């Protein structure tokens, strides 16, 4: 039950602000997706997220441009990041994503429409995509 997991997290002693933000964001993602866009993102300090690297540019582009319930191909994300011939490099950026789900690498799919690879496994990727699609449909009503 998601509510039981949330109660355990709420009772944690001395959570830092970034951890509280991360916990709130993940709770919203799974339980209240309409709130995700209004919550502050946790502070990201991982070296791969430097905006001066192609990997960083791809990850920030994905985070900024591909919204909840949407999907983009590796090629489309390469184009959005400024290098239309770098689809394979986008795949490498997805593999090195230090914070999956928050930086939604599960939203990057093959041009054929197949889900493609995912560090957490294809079943998890399909579940995340289905979760977002279902929640987006619920919000549309």
N, C-alpha and C. Protein backbone atom coordinates (compact mmCIF):
# COMPACT_ATOMS: atom_id res chain seq x y z
N UNK A 1 0.84 -1.19 0.00
CA UNK A 1 0.00 0.00 0.00
C UNK A 1 0.88 1.25 0.00
N UNK A 2 0.62 2.15 -0.89
CA UNK A 2 1.43 3.36 -0.98
C UNK A 2 1.27 4.23 0.25
N UNK A 3 0.08 4.28 0.85
CA UNK A 3 -0.12 5.12 2.03
C UNK A 3 0.72 4.62 3.20
N UNK A 4 0.88 3.30 3.34
CA UNK A 4 1.69 2.76 4.43
C UNK A 4 3.15 3.16 4.26
N UNK A 5 3.65 3.10 3.04
CA UNK A 5 5.05 3.50 2.79
C UNK A 5 5.24 4.97 3.08
N UNK A 6 4.26 5.78 2.74
CA UNK A 6 4.36 7.22 2.97
C UNK A 6 4.41 7.52 4.46
N UNK A 7 3.62 6.82 5.27
CA UNK A 7 3.62 7.05 6.70
C UNK A 7 4.98 6.74 7.31
N UNK A 8 5.64 5.70 6.83
CA UNK A 8 6.96 5.37 7.33
C UNK A 8 7.93 6.50 7.02
N UNK A 9 7.87 7.02 5.80
CA UNK A 9 8.76 8.11 5.41
C UNK A 9 8.48 9.37 6.21
N UNK A 10 7.21 9.66 6.46
CA UNK A 10 6.86 10.87 7.20
C UNK A 10 7.41 10.85 8.62
N UNK A 11 7.54 9.68 9.20
CA UNK A 11 8.00 9.58 10.57
C UNK A 11 9.51 9.61 10.72
N UNK A 12 10.24 9.69 9.61
CA UNK A 12 11.70 9.68 9.70
C UNK A 12 12.21 10.90 10.45
N UNK A 13 13.18 10.67 11.29
CA UNK A 13 13.76 11.76 12.08
C UNK A 13 14.80 12.52 11.27
N UNK A 14 14.84 13.82 11.45
CA UNK A 14 15.92 14.66 10.91
C UNK A 14 16.15 14.50 9.41
N UNK A 15 15.10 14.50 8.61
CA UNK A 15 15.28 14.45 7.16
C UNK A 15 15.78 15.81 6.68
N UNK A 16 16.76 15.78 5.81
CA UNK A 16 17.26 17.02 5.23
C UNK A 16 16.23 17.55 4.24
N UNK A 17 16.32 18.83 3.92
CA UNK A 17 15.39 19.45 2.98
C UNK A 17 15.37 18.76 1.62
N UNK A 18 16.54 18.46 1.01
CA UNK A 18 16.50 17.76 -0.28
C UNK A 18 15.84 16.39 -0.19
N UNK A 19 16.05 15.68 0.92
CA UNK A 19 15.42 14.37 1.09
C UNK A 19 13.91 14.52 1.27
N UNK A 20 13.49 15.54 2.01
CA UNK A 20 12.05 15.81 2.15
C UNK A 20 11.44 16.14 0.78
N UNK A 21 12.13 16.96 -0.02
CA UNK A 21 11.63 17.30 -1.35
C UNK A 21 11.54 16.06 -2.23
N UNK A 22 12.55 15.22 -2.16
CA UNK A 22 12.57 13.99 -2.95
C UNK A 22 11.42 13.07 -2.53
N UNK A 23 11.23 12.92 -1.25
CA UNK A 23 10.16 12.07 -0.73
C UNK A 23 8.80 12.61 -1.17
N UNK A 24 8.59 13.92 -1.05
CA UNK A 24 7.32 14.53 -1.45
C UNK A 24 7.10 14.37 -2.95
N UNK A 25 8.17 14.54 -3.72
CA UNK A 25 8.04 14.42 -5.18
C UNK A 25 7.67 12.99 -5.56
N UNK A 26 8.35 12.00 -4.99
CA UNK A 26 8.04 10.60 -5.31
C UNK A 26 6.64 10.21 -4.85
N UNK A 27 6.23 10.69 -3.69
CA UNK A 27 4.87 10.42 -3.23
C UNK A 27 3.86 11.00 -4.23
N UNK A 28 4.08 12.23 -4.66
CA UNK A 28 3.18 12.84 -5.63
C UNK A 28 3.20 12.07 -6.94
N UNK A 29 4.36 11.66 -7.40
CA UNK A 29 4.46 10.93 -8.66
C UNK A 29 3.58 9.68 -8.63
N UNK A 30 3.64 8.93 -7.56
CA UNK A 30 2.91 7.67 -7.49
C UNK A 30 1.46 7.84 -7.03
N UNK A 31 1.17 8.83 -6.20
CA UNK A 31 -0.15 8.92 -5.58
C UNK A 31 -0.97 10.15 -5.97
N UNK A 32 -0.33 11.25 -6.31
CA UNK A 32 -1.02 12.49 -6.65
C UNK A 32 -0.33 13.16 -7.84
N UNK A 33 -0.35 12.54 -9.01
CA UNK A 33 0.43 13.04 -10.13
C UNK A 33 0.08 14.46 -10.57
N UNK A 34 -1.10 14.92 -10.25
CA UNK A 34 -1.46 16.29 -10.62
C UNK A 34 -0.60 17.32 -9.88
N UNK A 35 0.04 16.93 -8.79
CA UNK A 35 0.90 17.83 -8.01
C UNK A 35 2.34 17.86 -8.48
N UNK A 36 2.77 16.89 -9.26
CA UNK A 36 4.18 16.75 -9.62
C UNK A 36 4.75 18.04 -10.21
N UNK A 37 4.03 18.64 -11.14
CA UNK A 37 4.54 19.83 -11.83
C UNK A 37 4.67 21.04 -10.90
N UNK A 38 3.96 21.04 -9.77
CA UNK A 38 4.00 22.19 -8.87
C UNK A 38 5.03 22.06 -7.76
N UNK A 39 5.62 20.87 -7.62
CA UNK A 39 6.59 20.65 -6.54
C UNK A 39 8.00 21.03 -6.97
N UNK A 40 8.78 21.56 -6.04
CA UNK A 40 10.18 21.84 -6.38
C UNK A 40 10.95 20.54 -6.56
N UNK A 41 11.86 20.54 -7.50
CA UNK A 41 12.72 19.38 -7.68
C UNK A 41 13.77 19.38 -6.58
N UNK A 42 14.17 18.21 -6.14
CA UNK A 42 15.27 18.14 -5.18
C UNK A 42 16.55 18.72 -5.81
N UNK A 43 17.45 19.16 -4.98
CA UNK A 43 18.72 19.69 -5.47
C UNK A 43 19.53 18.54 -6.08
N UNK A 44 20.04 18.76 -7.28
CA UNK A 44 20.83 17.75 -7.97
C UNK A 44 22.30 18.18 -7.97
N UNK A 45 23.17 17.35 -7.41
CA UNK A 45 24.58 17.70 -7.34
C UNK A 45 25.47 16.67 -8.01
N UNK A 46 24.90 15.76 -8.76
CA UNK A 46 25.67 14.71 -9.39
C UNK A 46 26.49 15.28 -10.54
N UNK A 47 27.76 14.88 -10.69
CA UNK A 47 28.61 15.42 -11.77
C UNK A 47 28.05 15.19 -13.18
N UNK A 48 27.29 14.13 -13.39
CA UNK A 48 26.72 13.87 -14.72
C UNK A 48 25.66 14.89 -15.11
N UNK A 49 25.19 15.66 -14.16
CA UNK A 49 24.14 16.63 -14.44
C UNK A 49 24.67 18.02 -14.77
N UNK A 50 25.98 18.12 -14.95
CA UNK A 50 26.54 19.40 -15.39
C UNK A 50 25.99 19.71 -16.78
N UNK A 51 25.53 20.90 -16.96
CA UNK A 51 24.89 21.28 -18.22
C UNK A 51 25.89 21.45 -19.37
N UNK A 52 27.17 21.46 -19.07
CA UNK A 52 28.16 21.64 -20.13
C UNK A 52 28.55 20.34 -20.82
N UNK A 53 28.03 19.21 -20.35
CA UNK A 53 28.29 17.93 -21.01
C UNK A 53 27.06 17.53 -21.82
N UNK A 54 27.25 16.69 -22.84
CA UNK A 54 26.11 16.25 -23.63
C UNK A 54 25.15 15.45 -22.77
N UNK A 55 25.68 14.58 -21.91
CA UNK A 55 24.83 13.79 -21.02
C UNK A 55 23.98 14.71 -20.15
N UNK A 56 24.59 15.71 -19.55
CA UNK A 56 23.85 16.66 -18.72
C UNK A 56 22.79 17.40 -19.51
N UNK A 57 23.16 17.81 -20.71
CA UNK A 57 22.20 18.53 -21.55
C UNK A 57 21.00 17.63 -21.89
N UNK A 58 21.27 16.37 -22.22
CA UNK A 58 20.19 15.43 -22.55
C UNK A 58 19.29 15.22 -21.33
N UNK A 59 19.87 14.99 -20.16
CA UNK A 59 19.07 14.72 -18.97
C UNK A 59 18.22 15.94 -18.58
N UNK A 60 18.80 17.13 -18.65
CA UNK A 60 18.02 18.34 -18.33
C UNK A 60 16.94 18.59 -19.38
N UNK A 61 17.24 18.31 -20.65
CA UNK A 61 16.24 18.46 -21.71
C UNK A 61 15.08 17.51 -21.46
N UNK A 62 15.39 16.27 -21.13
CA UNK A 62 14.36 15.29 -20.84
C UNK A 62 13.50 15.76 -19.67
N UNK A 63 14.13 16.20 -18.62
CA UNK A 63 13.42 16.66 -17.42
C UNK A 63 12.51 17.85 -17.73
N UNK A 64 13.00 18.76 -18.52
CA UNK A 64 12.27 20.00 -18.82
C UNK A 64 11.18 19.82 -19.88
N UNK A 65 11.46 19.02 -20.93
CA UNK A 65 10.60 19.02 -22.11
C UNK A 65 9.65 17.84 -22.25
N UNK A 66 9.91 16.74 -21.60
CA UNK A 66 9.06 15.56 -21.77
C UNK A 66 8.22 15.39 -20.50
N UNK A 67 6.95 15.73 -20.63
CA UNK A 67 6.06 15.83 -19.48
C UNK A 67 5.47 14.48 -19.08
N UNK A 68 4.89 14.46 -17.91
CA UNK A 68 4.23 13.29 -17.35
C UNK A 68 3.24 12.73 -18.37
N UNK A 69 3.33 11.43 -18.64
CA UNK A 69 2.42 10.78 -19.57
C UNK A 69 2.83 10.88 -21.03
N UNK A 70 3.95 11.54 -21.32
CA UNK A 70 4.44 11.65 -22.69
C UNK A 70 5.62 10.71 -22.88
N UNK A 71 5.95 10.45 -24.12
CA UNK A 71 7.14 9.66 -24.45
C UNK A 71 7.83 10.33 -25.62
N UNK A 72 9.10 10.06 -25.75
CA UNK A 72 9.92 10.64 -26.81
C UNK A 72 10.89 9.55 -27.27
N UNK A 73 11.24 9.56 -28.54
CA UNK A 73 12.22 8.57 -29.01
C UNK A 73 13.63 9.06 -28.69
N UNK A 74 14.57 8.12 -28.74
CA UNK A 74 15.97 8.48 -28.54
C UNK A 74 16.39 9.54 -29.56
N UNK A 75 15.97 9.35 -30.81
CA UNK A 75 16.29 10.30 -31.88
C UNK A 75 15.66 11.67 -31.62
N UNK A 76 14.41 11.69 -31.21
CA UNK A 76 13.75 12.97 -30.92
C UNK A 76 14.43 13.69 -29.77
N UNK A 77 14.84 12.96 -28.75
CA UNK A 77 15.52 13.59 -27.62
C UNK A 77 16.88 14.12 -28.05
N UNK A 78 17.57 13.38 -28.92
CA UNK A 78 18.84 13.88 -29.45
C UNK A 78 18.62 15.20 -30.17
N UNK A 79 17.56 15.29 -30.97
CA UNK A 79 17.25 16.54 -31.68
C UNK A 79 16.94 17.66 -30.70
N UNK A 80 16.15 17.38 -29.68
CA UNK A 80 15.82 18.39 -28.68
C UNK A 80 17.07 18.89 -27.96
N UNK A 81 18.04 17.99 -27.78
CA UNK A 81 19.28 18.34 -27.08
C UNK A 81 20.30 19.00 -28.00
N UNK A 82 19.97 19.10 -29.30
CA UNK A 82 20.83 19.84 -30.21
C UNK A 82 21.73 19.02 -31.11
N UNK A 83 21.59 17.71 -31.14
CA UNK A 83 22.42 16.90 -32.02
C UNK A 83 21.59 15.74 -32.57
N UNK A 84 21.00 15.95 -33.72
CA UNK A 84 20.06 14.98 -34.29
C UNK A 84 20.70 13.63 -34.61
N UNK A 85 22.03 13.57 -34.68
CA UNK A 85 22.70 12.31 -35.02
C UNK A 85 23.23 11.58 -33.78
N UNK A 86 22.76 11.97 -32.60
CA UNK A 86 23.33 11.42 -31.37
C UNK A 86 22.36 10.51 -30.61
N UNK A 87 21.52 9.77 -31.33
CA UNK A 87 20.55 8.89 -30.65
C UNK A 87 21.24 7.86 -29.77
N UNK A 88 22.36 7.31 -30.22
CA UNK A 88 23.08 6.33 -29.39
C UNK A 88 23.66 6.97 -28.14
N UNK A 89 24.12 8.19 -28.28
CA UNK A 89 24.64 8.92 -27.11
C UNK A 89 23.53 9.20 -26.12
N UNK A 90 22.32 9.42 -26.61
CA UNK A 90 21.16 9.60 -25.73
C UNK A 90 20.94 8.31 -24.94
N UNK A 91 21.05 7.17 -25.61
CA UNK A 91 20.94 5.89 -24.91
C UNK A 91 21.97 5.78 -23.80
N UNK A 92 23.19 6.22 -24.07
CA UNK A 92 24.23 6.21 -23.04
C UNK A 92 23.88 7.14 -21.88
N UNK A 93 23.31 8.29 -22.19
CA UNK A 93 22.89 9.23 -21.14
C UNK A 93 21.80 8.61 -20.27
N UNK A 94 20.88 7.88 -20.91
CA UNK A 94 19.80 7.23 -20.15
C UNK A 94 20.38 6.16 -19.23
N UNK A 95 21.36 5.40 -19.72
CA UNK A 95 21.99 4.36 -18.90
C UNK A 95 22.71 4.95 -17.69
N UNK A 96 23.22 6.17 -17.83
CA UNK A 96 23.99 6.76 -16.74
C UNK A 96 23.16 7.70 -15.85
N UNK A 97 21.87 7.79 -16.10
CA UNK A 97 20.99 8.66 -15.32
C UNK A 97 21.11 8.31 -13.83
N UNK A 98 21.57 9.25 -13.00
CA UNK A 98 21.77 8.94 -11.58
C UNK A 98 20.48 8.95 -10.76
N UNK A 99 19.39 9.50 -11.29
CA UNK A 99 18.14 9.55 -10.52
C UNK A 99 16.93 9.22 -11.39
N UNK A 100 16.82 7.93 -11.79
CA UNK A 100 15.67 7.52 -12.59
C UNK A 100 14.36 7.83 -11.88
N UNK A 101 13.33 7.93 -12.58
CA UNK A 101 11.98 8.33 -12.22
C UNK A 101 11.93 9.85 -12.08
N UNK A 102 12.76 10.46 -11.25
CA UNK A 102 12.74 11.92 -11.15
C UNK A 102 13.21 12.52 -12.48
N UNK A 103 14.32 12.05 -13.02
CA UNK A 103 14.68 12.36 -14.41
C UNK A 103 14.16 11.16 -15.19
N UNK A 104 13.05 11.34 -15.90
CA UNK A 104 12.22 10.22 -16.37
C UNK A 104 12.75 9.50 -17.60
N UNK A 105 13.87 8.80 -17.47
CA UNK A 105 14.44 8.08 -18.60
C UNK A 105 13.53 6.97 -19.11
N UNK A 106 12.55 6.56 -18.29
CA UNK A 106 11.58 5.55 -18.76
C UNK A 106 10.70 6.11 -19.87
N UNK A 107 10.65 7.43 -20.05
CA UNK A 107 9.83 8.04 -21.10
C UNK A 107 10.51 8.05 -22.46
N UNK A 108 11.74 7.57 -22.51
CA UNK A 108 12.47 7.53 -23.78
C UNK A 108 12.31 6.13 -24.36
N UNK A 109 11.74 6.09 -25.57
CA UNK A 109 11.42 4.82 -26.22
C UNK A 109 12.06 4.76 -27.60
N UNK A 110 11.98 3.60 -28.21
CA UNK A 110 12.51 3.43 -29.57
C UNK A 110 11.59 4.10 -30.58
N UNK A 111 12.14 4.48 -31.72
CA UNK A 111 11.35 5.10 -32.79
C UNK A 111 10.23 4.20 -33.26
N UNK A 112 10.42 2.91 -33.12
CA UNK A 112 9.39 1.94 -33.54
C UNK A 112 8.18 1.92 -32.61
N UNK A 113 8.31 2.58 -31.45
CA UNK A 113 7.24 2.56 -30.46
C UNK A 113 7.46 1.53 -29.37
N UNK A 114 8.43 0.62 -29.57
CA UNK A 114 8.77 -0.34 -28.52
C UNK A 114 9.42 0.40 -27.36
N UNK A 115 9.28 -0.16 -26.17
CA UNK A 115 9.77 0.56 -24.99
C UNK A 115 11.29 0.67 -24.94
N UNK A 116 12.02 -0.32 -25.41
CA UNK A 116 13.48 -0.25 -25.34
C UNK A 116 13.99 -0.67 -23.98
N UNK A 117 15.25 -0.42 -23.74
CA UNK A 117 15.91 -0.85 -22.51
C UNK A 117 15.61 0.08 -21.34
N UNK A 118 15.84 -0.46 -20.15
CA UNK A 118 15.67 0.33 -18.92
C UNK A 118 16.48 -0.34 -17.83
N UNK A 119 17.20 0.45 -17.05
CA UNK A 119 18.05 -0.10 -16.00
C UNK A 119 17.29 -0.92 -14.98
N UNK A 120 16.04 -0.58 -14.73
CA UNK A 120 15.23 -1.32 -13.78
C UNK A 120 14.53 -2.52 -14.39
N UNK A 121 14.74 -2.73 -15.70
CA UNK A 121 14.12 -3.84 -16.40
C UNK A 121 12.92 -3.39 -17.22
N UNK A 122 12.62 -4.17 -18.25
CA UNK A 122 11.55 -3.79 -19.17
C UNK A 122 10.17 -3.83 -18.51
N UNK A 123 9.97 -4.73 -17.56
CA UNK A 123 8.67 -4.81 -16.89
C UNK A 123 8.42 -3.52 -16.10
N UNK A 124 9.43 -3.04 -15.40
CA UNK A 124 9.28 -1.80 -14.64
C UNK A 124 9.05 -0.61 -15.57
N UNK A 125 9.79 -0.55 -16.68
CA UNK A 125 9.61 0.54 -17.63
C UNK A 125 8.18 0.55 -18.17
N UNK A 126 7.68 -0.61 -18.55
CA UNK A 126 6.31 -0.71 -19.05
C UNK A 126 5.31 -0.29 -17.97
N UNK A 127 5.57 -0.68 -16.73
CA UNK A 127 4.68 -0.30 -15.64
C UNK A 127 4.66 1.20 -15.46
N UNK A 128 5.84 1.83 -15.45
CA UNK A 128 5.91 3.29 -15.27
C UNK A 128 5.19 4.01 -16.40
N UNK A 129 5.39 3.57 -17.63
CA UNK A 129 4.70 4.18 -18.77
C UNK A 129 3.19 4.00 -18.64
N UNK A 130 2.74 2.82 -18.25
CA UNK A 130 1.31 2.56 -18.07
C UNK A 130 0.73 3.39 -16.93
N UNK A 131 1.49 3.49 -15.83
CA UNK A 131 1.06 4.29 -14.68
C UNK A 131 0.82 5.74 -15.12
N UNK A 132 1.77 6.30 -15.86
CA UNK A 132 1.63 7.68 -16.30
C UNK A 132 0.46 7.85 -17.27
N UNK A 133 0.31 6.91 -18.18
CA UNK A 133 -0.78 7.01 -19.15
C UNK A 133 -2.13 6.94 -18.43
N UNK A 134 -2.28 6.01 -17.51
CA UNK A 134 -3.52 5.86 -16.76
C UNK A 134 -3.81 7.11 -15.93
N UNK A 135 -2.81 7.62 -15.24
CA UNK A 135 -3.01 8.80 -14.40
C UNK A 135 -3.34 10.03 -15.25
N UNK A 136 -2.70 10.16 -16.40
CA UNK A 136 -2.98 11.29 -17.29
C UNK A 136 -4.42 11.20 -17.80
N UNK A 137 -4.88 10.00 -18.12
CA UNK A 137 -6.27 9.82 -18.56
C UNK A 137 -7.24 10.18 -17.44
N UNK A 138 -6.94 9.80 -16.22
CA UNK A 138 -7.80 10.14 -15.08
C UNK A 138 -7.88 11.66 -14.90
N UNK A 139 -6.75 12.35 -15.09
CA UNK A 139 -6.72 13.80 -14.92
C UNK A 139 -7.50 14.51 -16.02
N UNK A 140 -7.62 13.86 -17.17
CA UNK A 140 -8.32 14.48 -18.29
C UNK A 140 -9.83 14.52 -18.07
N UNK A 141 -10.35 13.67 -17.18
CA UNK A 141 -11.80 13.64 -16.93
C UNK A 141 -12.25 14.79 -16.10
